[in-house]
Amino acid sequence: MPPQQHWQALCAERKAKQLQSIPKEWIIQTPPDEQRNVQNIPETCGILTAHEIEITNTVDIDVLLGKLATGVWTSAVVTLAFYKRAIIAQQLTNCLTEIFVERALARAKEVDDYLKATGKVIGPLHGLPISLKDQFCMKGLETIMGYAAWIGKYSEYDSVLVEVLYELGAVPFVRTNVPQTLMWGETYNHVFGRTTNPYNRYMTPGGSSGGEGALVAMHGSPLGVGTDIGGHVSQIYTVRRRALI
């Protein structure tokens, strides 16, 4: 196979693998491309229960953490709610890279079991699902960052940030799309494709943390981690702020 066809085949195969990782019961009927604003679809598509809508619309992190710390809401329930909404956001804006539902829910159960057994939280982020920009390595997962050549290369360790999040009690649950090399103002790469802005899908959410921006704006994550060189994290703040208005 010629080199160009080879890397294109690798990218197509990896994208198909991503689609296969989505639970079939979370697949929605996507709107036509002409529909620019898709902000209302998570609440109207029928995937989320009323309670899950309440959870994912809770934009005050202190409220979420308070309910998690007191056991009013379990981490398993909260993580599942945000996971479902993140998958909906993915189908509408193409904002995700790594999807690892069972692994995240296992971590959430571990956190819940600790609270139940000890009456104490693991740390200040106890039970909170957190999304991570694709560049942050997680053991056993690929860190592709848009490079076709990095498909199939699995990390043997967690990045320091991920280690810290675990120590604080958080539940990493998805990784989000980035431009190849990160050094671009639009979130697009040959492996996962282009991320679009949920307020106007003819537009970009920016880069390099555009996947985070689109996901958080869709309330698919209560808190996300990005990085900043050229104002990208400020773009996430702007998108998130619009979601709160």
C-alpha atoms as a PDB file:
ATOM      1  CA  MET A   1       0.000   0.000   0.000  1.00  0.00           C
ATOM      2  CA  PRO A   2       1.410   3.471  -0.889  1.00  0.00           C
ATOM      3  CA  PRO A   3       2.422   5.527   2.200  1.00  0.00           C
ATOM      4  CA  GLN A   4      -0.389   8.079   1.774  1.00  0.00           C
ATOM      5  CA  GLN A   5      -3.059   5.395   1.542  1.00  0.00           C
ATOM      6  CA  HIS A   6      -1.515   3.616   4.519  1.00  0.00           C
ATOM      7  CA  TRP A   7      -1.811   6.554   6.931  1.00  0.00           C
ATOM      8  CA  GLN A   8      -5.265   7.386   5.644  1.00  0.00           C
ATOM      9  CA  ALA A   9      -6.364   3.814   6.302  1.00  0.00           C
ATOM     10  CA  LEU A  10      -4.910   3.984   9.815  1.00  0.00           C
ATOM     11  CA  CYS A  11      -6.834   7.187  10.530  1.00  0.00           C
ATOM     12  CA  ALA A  12     -10.091   5.760   9.190  1.00  0.00           C
ATOM     13  CA  GLU A  13      -9.647   2.606  11.264  1.00  0.00           C
ATOM     14  CA  ARG A  14      -8.939   4.594  14.435  1.00  0.00           C
ATOM     15  CA  LYS A  15     -11.965   6.831  13.898  1.00  0.00           C
ATOM     16  CA  ALA A  16     -14.132   3.751  13.416  1.00  0.00           C
ATOM     17  CA  LYS A  17     -12.750   2.303  16.653  1.00  0.00           C
ATOM     18  CA  GLN A  18     -13.763   5.493  18.454  1.00  0.00           C
ATOM     19  CA  LEU A  19     -17.317   5.177  17.156  1.00  0.00           C
ATOM     20  CA  GLN A  20     -17.450   1.555  18.292  1.00  0.00           C
ATOM     21  CA  SER A  21     -16.561   2.640  21.844  1.00  0.00           C
ATOM     22  CA  ILE A  22     -19.834   4.573  22.135  1.00  0.00           C
ATOM     23  CA  PRO A  23     -22.635   2.572  23.811  1.00  0.00           C
ATOM     24  CA  LYS A  24     -25.290   1.946  21.183  1.00  0.00           C
ATOM     25  CA  GLU A  25     -28.077   3.178  23.456  1.00  0.00           C
ATOM     26  CA  TRP A  26     -26.418   6.619  23.536  1.00  0.00           C
ATOM     27  CA  ILE A  27     -26.509   7.102  19.770  1.00  0.00           C
ATOM     28  CA  ILE A  28     -28.776   9.993  18.748  1.00  0.00           C
ATOM     29  CA  GLN A  29     -30.334  11.064  15.498  1.00  0.00           C
ATOM     30  CA  THR A  30     -28.098  13.966  14.593  1.00  0.00           C
ATOM     31  CA  PRO A  31     -29.586  17.138  13.115  1.00  0.00           C
ATOM     32  CA  PRO A  32     -28.824  18.229   9.554  1.00  0.00           C
ATOM     33  CA  ASP A  33     -25.560  20.047   9.000  1.00  0.00           C
ATOM     34  CA  GLU A  34     -27.530  23.212   8.282  1.00  0.00           C
ATOM     35  CA  GLN A  35     -28.566  23.429  11.949  1.00  0.00           C
ATOM     36  CA  ARG A  36     -25.884  25.631  13.391  1.00  0.00           C
ATOM     37  CA  ASN A  37     -26.787  25.863  17.081  1.00  0.00           C
ATOM     38  CA  VAL A  38     -27.057  22.491  18.839  1.00  0.00           C
ATOM     39  CA  GLN A  39     -27.050  23.630  22.476  1.00  0.00           C
ATOM     40  CA  ASN A  40     -30.585  22.388  23.192  1.00  0.00           C
ATOM     41  CA  ILE A  41     -30.209  18.884  21.778  1.00  0.00           C
ATOM     42  CA  PRO A  42     -28.815  17.122  24.894  1.00  0.00           C
ATOM     43  CA  GLU A  43     -31.972  18.061  26.801  1.00  0.00           C
ATOM     44  CA  THR A  44     -34.382  17.177  24.005  1.00  0.00           C
ATOM     45  CA  CYS A  45     -32.906  14.053  22.382  1.00  0.00           C
ATOM     46  CA  GLY A  46     -34.338  11.660  24.973  1.00  0.00           C
ATOM     47  CA  ILE A  47     -31.044  10.115  26.110  1.00  0.00           C
ATOM     48  CA  LEU A  48     -30.768  11.934  29.447  1.00  0.00           C
ATOM     49  CA  THR A  49     -33.212  11.447  32.307  1.00  0.00           C
ATOM     50  CA  ALA A  50     -34.624  14.474  34.135  1.00  0.00           C
ATOM     51  CA  HIS A  51     -32.211  13.793  37.000  1.00  0.00           C
ATOM     52  CA  GLU A  52     -29.241  13.586  34.629  1.00  0.00           C
ATOM     53  CA  ILE A  53     -30.258  16.881  33.064  1.00  0.00           C
ATOM     54  CA  GLU A  54     -30.382  18.419  36.544  1.00  0.00           C
ATOM     55  CA  ILE A  55     -26.914  17.077  37.348  1.00  0.00           C
ATOM     56  CA  THR A  56     -25.280  18.188  34.108  1.00  0.00           C
ATOM     57  CA  ASN A  57     -26.922  21.616  34.253  1.00  0.00           C
ATOM     58  CA  THR A  58     -25.395  22.216  37.686  1.00  0.00           C
ATOM     59  CA  VAL A  59     -22.717  24.702  36.676  1.00  0.00           C
ATOM     60  CA  ASP A  60     -21.590  25.599  40.196  1.00  0.00           C
ATOM     61  CA  ILE A  61     -18.722  23.185  40.904  1.00  0.00           C
ATOM     62  CA  ASP A  62     -19.028  23.784  44.663  1.00  0.00           C
ATOM     63  CA  VAL A  63     -22.604  22.511  44.548  1.00  0.00           C
ATOM     64  CA  LEU A  64     -21.523  19.374  42.694  1.00  0.00           C
ATOM     65  CA  LEU A  65     -18.650  18.745  45.079  1.00  0.00           C
ATOM     66  CA  GLY A  66     -20.897  19.304  48.089  1.00  0.00           C
ATOM     67  CA  LYS A  67     -23.428  16.745  46.914  1.00  0.00           C
ATOM     68  CA  LEU A  68     -20.657  14.272  46.087  1.00  0.00           C
ATOM     69  CA  ALA A  69     -18.927  14.749  49.433  1.00  0.00           C
ATOM     70  CA  THR A  70     -22.132  14.160  51.390  1.00  0.00           C
ATOM     71  CA  GLY A  71     -23.304  11.254  49.267  1.00  0.00           C
ATOM     72  CA  VAL A  72     -26.440  13.041  48.084  1.00  0.00           C
ATOM     73  CA  TRP A  73     -25.233  12.251  44.568  1.00  0.00           C
ATOM     74  CA  THR A  74     -22.883   9.333  44.008  1.00  0.00           C
ATOM     75  CA  SER A  75     -19.901   9.675  41.733  1.00  0.00           C
ATOM     76  CA  ALA A  76     -21.206   6.765  39.668  1.00  0.00           C
ATOM     77  CA  VAL A  77     -24.468   8.603  38.957  1.00  0.00           C
ATOM     78  CA  VAL A  78     -22.761  11.943  38.276  1.00  0.00           C
ATOM     79  CA  THR A  79     -20.081  10.403  36.065  1.00  0.00           C
ATOM     80  CA  LEU A  80     -22.650   8.458  34.063  1.00  0.00           C
ATOM     81  CA  ALA A  81     -24.739  11.605  33.541  1.00  0.00           C
ATOM     82  CA  PHE A  82     -21.799  13.640  32.272  1.00  0.00           C
ATOM     83  CA  TYR A  83     -20.563  10.719  30.188  1.00  0.00           C
ATOM     84  CA  LYS A  84     -23.883  10.439  28.394  1.00  0.00           C
ATOM     85  CA  ARG A  85     -23.936  14.189  27.761  1.00  0.00           C
ATOM     86  CA  ALA A  86     -20.315  14.123  26.587  1.00  0.00           C
ATOM     87  CA  ILE A  87     -21.175  11.405  24.067  1.00  0.00           C
ATOM     88  CA  ILE A  88     -24.090  13.479  22.814  1.00  0.00           C
ATOM     89  CA  ALA A  89     -21.725  16.446  22.483  1.00  0.00           C
ATOM     90  CA  GLN A  90     -19.298  14.253  20.560  1.00  0.00           C
ATOM     91  CA  GLN A  91     -21.931  13.317  18.008  1.00  0.00           C
ATOM     92  CA  LEU A  92     -22.795  16.987  17.507  1.00  0.00           C
ATOM     93  CA  THR A  93     -19.373  18.687  17.598  1.00  0.00           C
ATOM     94  CA  ASN A  94     -16.728  15.933  17.318  1.00  0.00           C
ATOM     95  CA  CYS A  95     -15.012  17.087  20.525  1.00  0.00           C
ATOM     96  CA  LEU A  96     -13.627  13.807  21.938  1.00  0.00           C
ATOM     97  CA  THR A  97     -10.707  11.495  21.283  1.00  0.00           C
ATOM     98  CA  GLU A  98     -10.516   8.800  23.990  1.00  0.00           C
ATOM     99  CA  ILE A  99     -13.765   7.239  25.268  1.00  0.00           C
ATOM    100  CA  PHE A 100     -13.342   4.777  28.156  1.00  0.00           C
ATOM    101  CA  VAL A 101     -16.725   4.379  29.830  1.00  0.00           C
ATOM    102  CA  GLU A 102     -16.123   1.208  31.865  1.00  0.00           C
ATOM    103  CA  ARG A 103     -12.791   2.440  33.192  1.00  0.00           C
ATOM    104  CA  ALA A 104     -14.254   5.766  34.333  1.00  0.00           C
ATOM    105  CA  LEU A 105     -17.271   4.146  35.978  1.00  0.00           C
ATOM    106  CA  ALA A 106     -14.976   1.703  37.785  1.00  0.00           C
ATOM    107  CA  ARG A 107     -13.040   4.672  39.180  1.00  0.00           C
ATOM    108  CA  ALA A 108     -16.308   6.346  40.220  1.00  0.00           C
ATOM    109  CA  LYS A 109     -17.374   3.185  42.079  1.00  0.00           C
ATOM    110  CA  GLU A 110     -13.989   3.082  43.811  1.00  0.00           C
ATOM    111  CA  VAL A 111     -14.510   6.650  45.014  1.00  0.00           C
ATOM    112  CA  ASP A 112     -18.065   5.893  46.187  1.00  0.00           C
ATOM    113  CA  ASP A 113     -16.916   2.770  48.034  1.00  0.00           C
ATOM    114  CA  TYR A 114     -14.224   4.773  49.832  1.00  0.00           C
ATOM    115  CA  LEU A 115     -16.746   7.361  51.043  1.00  0.00           C
ATOM    116  CA  LYS A 116     -19.163   4.657  52.139  1.00  0.00           C
ATOM    117  CA  ALA A 117     -16.474   2.717  54.015  1.00  0.00           C
ATOM    118  CA  THR A 118     -14.705   5.639  55.719  1.00  0.00           C
ATOM    119  CA  GLY A 119     -17.200   8.480  55.792  1.00  0.00           C
ATOM    120  CA  LYS A 120     -14.452  10.659  54.327  1.00  0.00           C
ATOM    121  CA  VAL A 121     -13.654  12.067  50.912  1.00  0.00           C
ATOM    122  CA  ILE A 122     -10.469  11.137  49.088  1.00  0.00           C
ATOM    123  CA  GLY A 123      -9.674  14.772  48.393  1.00  0.00           C
ATOM    124  CA  PRO A 124     -11.151  18.157  47.422  1.00  0.00           C
ATOM    125  CA  LEU A 125     -12.231  16.887  43.987  1.00  0.00           C
ATOM    126  CA  HIS A 126     -13.839  13.749  45.385  1.00  0.00           C
ATOM    127  CA  GLY A 127     -15.938  11.995  42.749  1.00  0.00           C
ATOM    128  CA  LEU A 128     -15.905  14.844  40.228  1.00  0.00           C
ATOM    129  CA  PRO A 129     -15.671  13.757  36.559  1.00  0.00           C
ATOM    130  CA  ILE A 130     -13.003  15.793  34.771  1.00  0.00           C
ATOM    131  CA  SER A 131     -12.194  15.905  31.063  1.00  0.00           C
ATOM    132  CA  LEU A 132      -8.616  16.115  29.839  1.00  0.00           C
ATOM    133  CA  LYS A 133      -7.053  17.544  26.722  1.00  0.00           C
ATOM    134  CA  ASP A 134      -5.659  14.733  24.575  1.00  0.00           C
ATOM    135  CA  GLN A 135      -2.019  15.533  25.327  1.00  0.00           C
ATOM    136  CA  PHE A 136      -2.240  14.319  28.943  1.00  0.00           C
ATOM    137  CA  CYS A 137      -1.117  10.693  29.054  1.00  0.00           C
ATOM    138  CA  MET A 138      -3.197   8.070  30.817  1.00  0.00           C
ATOM    139  CA  LYS A 139      -1.759   4.628  31.400  1.00  0.00           C
ATOM    140  CA  GLY A 140      -3.074   2.061  28.943  1.00  0.00           C
ATOM    141  CA  LEU A 141      -4.567   4.636  26.571  1.00  0.00           C
ATOM    142  CA  GLU A 142      -3.258   6.131  23.353  1.00  0.00           C
ATOM    143  CA  THR A 143      -2.077   9.734  23.338  1.00  0.00           C
ATOM    144  CA  ILE A 144      -2.375  10.444  19.634  1.00  0.00           C
ATOM    145  CA  MET A 145      -2.543  14.264  19.588  1.00  0.00           C
ATOM    146  CA  GLY A 146      -3.637  14.152  15.974  1.00  0.00           C
ATOM    147  CA  TYR A 147      -0.570  12.264  14.671  1.00  0.00           C
ATOM    148  CA  ALA A 148      -1.316   9.287  12.450  1.00  0.00           C
ATOM    149  CA  ALA A 149       2.106   7.897  13.404  1.00  0.00           C
ATOM    150  CA  TRP A 150       1.090   7.760  17.086  1.00  0.00           C
ATOM    151  CA  ILE A 151      -1.940   5.544  16.521  1.00  0.00           C
ATOM    152  CA  GLY A 152      -1.539   2.307  18.457  1.00  0.00           C
ATOM    153  CA  LYS A 153       1.070   3.652  20.880  1.00  0.00           C
ATOM    154  CA  TYR A 154      -0.210   3.142  24.408  1.00  0.00           C
ATOM    155  CA  SER A 155       1.108   5.034  27.403  1.00  0.00           C
ATOM    156  CA  GLU A 156       2.884   3.034  30.101  1.00  0.00           C
ATOM    157  CA  TYR A 157       2.282   5.691  32.742  1.00  0.00           C
ATOM    158  CA  ASP A 158      -0.050   8.472  33.862  1.00  0.00           C
ATOM    159  CA  SER A 159       1.058  12.063  33.368  1.00  0.00           C
ATOM    160  CA  VAL A 160       1.817  14.004  36.544  1.00  0.00           C
ATOM    161  CA  LEU A 161      -1.435  15.927  36.160  1.00  0.00           C
ATOM    162  CA  VAL A 162      -3.461  12.717  36.011  1.00  0.00           C
ATOM    163  CA  GLU A 163      -1.660  11.402  39.095  1.00  0.00           C
ATOM    164  CA  VAL A 164      -2.520  14.612  40.945  1.00  0.00           C
ATOM    165  CA  LEU A 165      -6.169  14.391  39.892  1.00  0.00           C
ATOM    166  CA  TYR A 166      -6.386  10.832  41.199  1.00  0.00           C
ATOM    167  CA  GLU A 167      -4.855  11.932  44.502  1.00  0.00           C
ATOM    168  CA  LEU A 168      -7.457  14.696  44.756  1.00  0.00           C
ATOM    169  CA  GLY A 169     -10.269  12.193  44.241  1.00  0.00           C
ATOM    170  CA  ALA A 170     -11.260  13.155  40.700  1.00  0.00           C
ATOM    171  CA  VAL A 171     -12.618  10.849  38.006  1.00  0.00           C
ATOM    172  CA  PRO A 172     -10.952  11.437  34.608  1.00  0.00           C
ATOM    173  CA  PHE A 173     -13.574  10.286  32.119  1.00  0.00           C
ATOM    174  CA  VAL A 174     -12.856  11.528  28.559  1.00  0.00           C
ATOM    175  CA  ARG A 175     -10.049  13.085  26.553  1.00  0.00           C
ATOM    176  CA  THR A 176     -10.703  15.869  24.087  1.00  0.00           C
ATOM    177  CA  ASN A 177      -9.681  16.766  20.563  1.00  0.00           C
ATOM    178  CA  VAL A 178      -6.714  18.954  19.610  1.00  0.00           C
ATOM    179  CA  PRO A 179      -5.051  20.167  16.412  1.00  0.00           C
ATOM    180  CA  GLN A 180      -2.031  18.201  15.236  1.00  0.00           C
ATOM    181  CA  THR A 181       1.078  19.565  17.029  1.00  0.00           C
ATOM    182  CA  LEU A 182      -1.274  21.711  19.201  1.00  0.00           C
ATOM    183  CA  MET A 183       0.143  24.838  17.561  1.00  0.00           C
ATOM    184  CA  TRP A 184      -2.887  25.873  15.552  1.00  0.00           C
ATOM    185  CA  GLY A 185      -5.871  28.091  16.176  1.00  0.00           C
ATOM    186  CA  GLU A 186      -8.397  25.546  14.880  1.00  0.00           C
ATOM    187  CA  THR A 187      -9.040  22.092  16.326  1.00  0.00           C
ATOM    188  CA  TYR A 188      -8.526  19.781  13.363  1.00  0.00           C
ATOM    189  CA  ASN A 189      -6.361  16.751  12.658  1.00  0.00           C
ATOM    190  CA  HIS A 190      -6.352  13.860  10.192  1.00  0.00           C
ATOM    191  CA  VAL A 191      -7.124  11.213  12.818  1.00  0.00           C
ATOM    192  CA  PHE A 192     -10.206  12.559  14.588  1.00  0.00           C
ATOM    193  CA  GLY A 193     -11.250  15.363  12.261  1.00  0.00           C
ATOM    194  CA  ARG A 194     -12.565  18.862  12.981  1.00  0.00           C
ATOM    195  CA  THR A 195     -14.259  20.015  16.177  1.00  0.00           C
ATOM    196  CA  THR A 196     -17.038  22.553  15.682  1.00  0.00           C
ATOM    197  CA  ASN A 197     -18.521  25.270  17.870  1.00  0.00           C
ATOM    198  CA  PRO A 198     -21.856  24.180  19.410  1.00  0.00           C
ATOM    199  CA  TYR A 199     -23.212  27.729  19.188  1.00  0.00           C
ATOM    200  CA  ASN A 200     -22.496  27.810  15.456  1.00  0.00           C
ATOM    201  CA  ARG A 201     -21.215  24.650  13.830  1.00  0.00           C
ATOM    202  CA  TYR A 202     -20.033  26.610  10.819  1.00  0.00           C
ATOM    203  CA  MET A 203     -17.420  28.032  13.191  1.00  0.00           C
ATOM    204  CA  THR A 204     -14.525  26.611  15.222  1.00  0.00           C
ATOM    205  CA  PRO A 205     -14.214  26.675  19.030  1.00  0.00           C
ATOM    206  CA  GLY A 206     -10.558  27.587  18.498  1.00  0.00           C
ATOM    207  CA  GLY A 207      -7.446  25.660  19.363  1.00  0.00           C
ATOM    208  CA  SER A 208      -5.546  24.041  20.712  1.00  0.00           C
ATOM    209  CA  SER A 209      -8.028  23.277  23.511  1.00  0.00           C
ATOM    210  CA  GLY A 210     -11.031  23.430  21.206  1.00  0.00           C
ATOM    211  CA  GLY A 211     -12.290  19.987  22.153  1.00  0.00           C
ATOM    212  CA  GLU A 212     -12.452  21.089  25.780  1.00  0.00           C
ATOM    213  CA  GLY A 213     -14.193  24.314  24.797  1.00  0.00           C
ATOM    214  CA  ALA A 214     -16.926  22.571  22.824  1.00  0.00           C
ATOM    215  CA  LEU A 215     -17.432  19.875  25.467  1.00  0.00           C
ATOM    216  CA  VAL A 216     -17.694  22.244  28.419  1.00  0.00           C
ATOM    217  CA  ALA A 217     -19.998  24.564  26.471  1.00  0.00           C
ATOM    218  CA  MET A 218     -22.325  21.595  25.875  1.00  0.00           C
ATOM    219  CA  HIS A 219     -22.284  20.835  29.636  1.00  0.00           C
ATOM    220  CA  GLY A 220     -20.662  17.535  28.764  1.00  0.00           C
ATOM    221  CA  SER A 221     -18.035  18.072  31.452  1.00  0.00           C
ATOM    222  CA  PRO A 222     -18.246  20.024  34.710  1.00  0.00           C
ATOM    223  CA  LEU A 223     -14.548  20.834  34.627  1.00  0.00           C
ATOM    224  CA  GLY A 224     -11.912  20.372  31.939  1.00  0.00           C
ATOM    225  CA  VAL A 225      -8.160  20.730  31.702  1.00  0.00           C
ATOM    226  CA  GLY A 226      -6.563  22.560  28.789  1.00  0.00           C
ATOM    227  CA  THR A 227      -3.266  24.299  28.143  1.00  0.00           C
ATOM    228  CA  ASP A 228      -2.504  27.738  26.791  1.00  0.00           C
ATOM    229  CA  ILE A 229       0.016  29.386  24.511  1.00  0.00           C
ATOM    230  CA  GLY A 230      -2.097  31.664  22.342  1.00  0.00           C
ATOM    231  CA  GLY A 231      -5.250  32.399  24.315  1.00  0.00           C
ATOM    232  CA  HIS A 232      -6.966  29.037  23.849  1.00  0.00           C
ATOM    233  CA  VAL A 233      -7.930  28.582  27.485  1.00  0.00           C
ATOM    234  CA  SER A 234      -9.428  32.061  27.490  1.00  0.00           C
ATOM    235  CA  GLN A 235     -11.548  30.925  24.550  1.00  0.00           C
ATOM    236  CA  ILE A 236     -12.802  28.021  26.668  1.00  0.00           C
ATOM    237  CA  TYR A 237     -13.664  30.497  29.415  1.00  0.00           C
ATOM    238  CA  THR A 238     -15.584  32.614  26.936  1.00  0.00           C
ATOM    239  CA  VAL A 239     -17.522  29.631  25.580  1.00  0.00           C
ATOM    240  CA  ARG A 240     -18.244  28.425  29.110  1.00  0.00           C
ATOM    241  CA  ARG A 241     -19.321  31.887  30.210  1.00  0.00           C
ATOM    242  CA  ARG A 242     -21.809  32.028  27.355  1.00  0.00           C
ATOM    243  CA  ALA A 243     -23.179  28.701  28.528  1.00  0.00           C
ATOM    244  CA  LEU A 244     -23.824  30.217  31.965  1.00  0.00           C
ATOM    245  CA  ILE A 245     -25.686  33.272  30.694  1.00  0.00           C
END
